[in-house]
């Protein structure tokens, strides 16, 4: 994942496929690239807590995911699901 477009594509695929572990893996990788300690400090959580929250298999608070994405420069958008 090198460009913002690549990152958006990965996040979109994870959300479209309801693959929470993949979504958390992408966010985790982004957070590590920025600096987990820096993000944790900016969010007011511990570094260890943020690592645990973003680990595949975890069940983080929705607010943690949204705040982390915001900190990384991303936001979630909601749209109607296409039904066939």
Protein backbone atom coordinates (compact mmCIF):
# COMPACT_ATOMS: atom_id res chain seq x y z
CA UNK A 1 0.00 0.00 0.00
CA UNK A 2 1.88 2.98 -1.24
CA UNK A 3 -0.62 5.59 -2.34
CA UNK A 4 -3.72 6.95 -0.66
CA UNK A 5 -5.71 5.42 -3.52
CA UNK A 6 -4.23 1.97 -2.73
CA UNK A 7 -5.12 2.40 0.92
CA UNK A 8 -8.67 3.47 0.08
CA UNK A 9 -9.02 0.46 -2.20
CA UNK A 10 -7.91 -1.92 0.57
CA UNK A 11 -10.23 -0.31 3.13
CA UNK A 12 -13.13 -0.41 0.66
CA UNK A 13 -12.61 -4.10 -0.14
CA UNK A 14 -12.47 -4.94 3.56
CA UNK A 15 -15.73 -3.09 4.21
CA UNK A 16 -17.52 -4.44 1.14
CA UNK A 17 -16.60 -8.00 2.08
CA UNK A 18 -17.40 -7.44 5.77
CA UNK A 19 -13.90 -8.66 6.54
CA UNK A 20 -13.25 -7.04 9.91
CA UNK A 21 -9.91 -8.78 10.39
CA UNK A 22 -8.64 -7.47 7.05
CA UNK A 23 -9.97 -3.99 7.87
CA UNK A 24 -8.15 -4.04 11.21
CA UNK A 25 -4.98 -5.32 9.51
CA UNK A 26 -5.02 -2.41 7.06
CA UNK A 27 -5.67 0.16 9.80
CA UNK A 28 -2.98 -1.47 11.97
CA UNK A 29 -0.43 -1.26 9.15
CA UNK A 30 -1.31 2.39 8.54
CA UNK A 31 -1.04 3.21 12.24
CA UNK A 32 2.33 1.48 12.49
CA UNK A 33 3.62 3.45 9.51
CA UNK A 34 2.65 6.74 11.18
CA UNK A 35 3.72 5.63 14.63
CA UNK A 36 1.43 3.75 16.99
CA UNK A 37 2.71 5.66 20.05
CA UNK A 38 2.01 9.01 18.40
CA UNK A 39 -1.51 8.02 17.37
CA UNK A 40 -2.25 6.55 20.80
CA UNK A 41 -1.11 9.75 22.49
CA UNK A 42 -3.22 11.87 20.13
CA UNK A 43 -6.27 9.66 20.81
CA UNK A 44 -5.67 9.59 24.56
CA UNK A 45 -5.23 5.82 24.79
CA UNK A 46 -2.29 3.62 25.65
CA UNK A 47 -0.04 2.31 22.88
CA UNK A 48 -0.64 -1.24 24.09
CA UNK A 49 -4.39 -0.68 24.11
CA UNK A 50 -4.33 0.62 20.55
CA UNK A 51 -2.25 -2.36 19.40
CA UNK A 52 -4.81 -4.71 20.99
CA UNK A 53 -7.76 -2.80 19.52
CA UNK A 54 -6.36 -2.95 15.99
CA UNK A 55 -5.24 -6.57 16.11
CA UNK A 56 -7.06 -9.02 13.84
CA UNK A 57 -9.54 -11.00 15.91
CA UNK A 58 -10.15 -8.13 18.31
CA UNK A 59 -13.48 -6.42 18.78
CA UNK A 60 -12.56 -2.72 19.08
CA UNK A 61 -15.02 -0.02 19.98
CA UNK A 62 -16.42 1.59 16.86
CA UNK A 63 -15.24 4.94 18.15
CA UNK A 64 -11.66 3.69 18.28
CA UNK A 65 -11.80 2.65 14.63
CA UNK A 66 -13.39 5.92 13.51
CA UNK A 67 -11.00 8.07 15.56
CA UNK A 68 -7.98 6.14 14.32
CA UNK A 69 -9.06 6.47 10.69
CA UNK A 70 -9.68 10.19 11.25
CA UNK A 71 -6.22 10.57 12.78
CA UNK A 72 -4.78 8.87 9.70
CA UNK A 73 -6.66 11.24 7.37
CA UNK A 74 -9.57 9.00 6.38
CA UNK A 75 -13.31 8.95 7.08
CA UNK A 76 -16.08 6.44 6.64
CA UNK A 77 -18.93 7.03 4.21
CA UNK A 78 -22.27 5.25 4.32
CA UNK A 79 -24.18 4.35 1.20
CA UNK A 80 -27.12 2.14 0.37
CA UNK A 81 -26.29 -1.44 -0.39
CA UNK A 82 -27.22 -2.55 -3.89
CA UNK A 83 -29.66 -5.42 -3.75
CA UNK A 84 -30.08 -7.68 -6.75
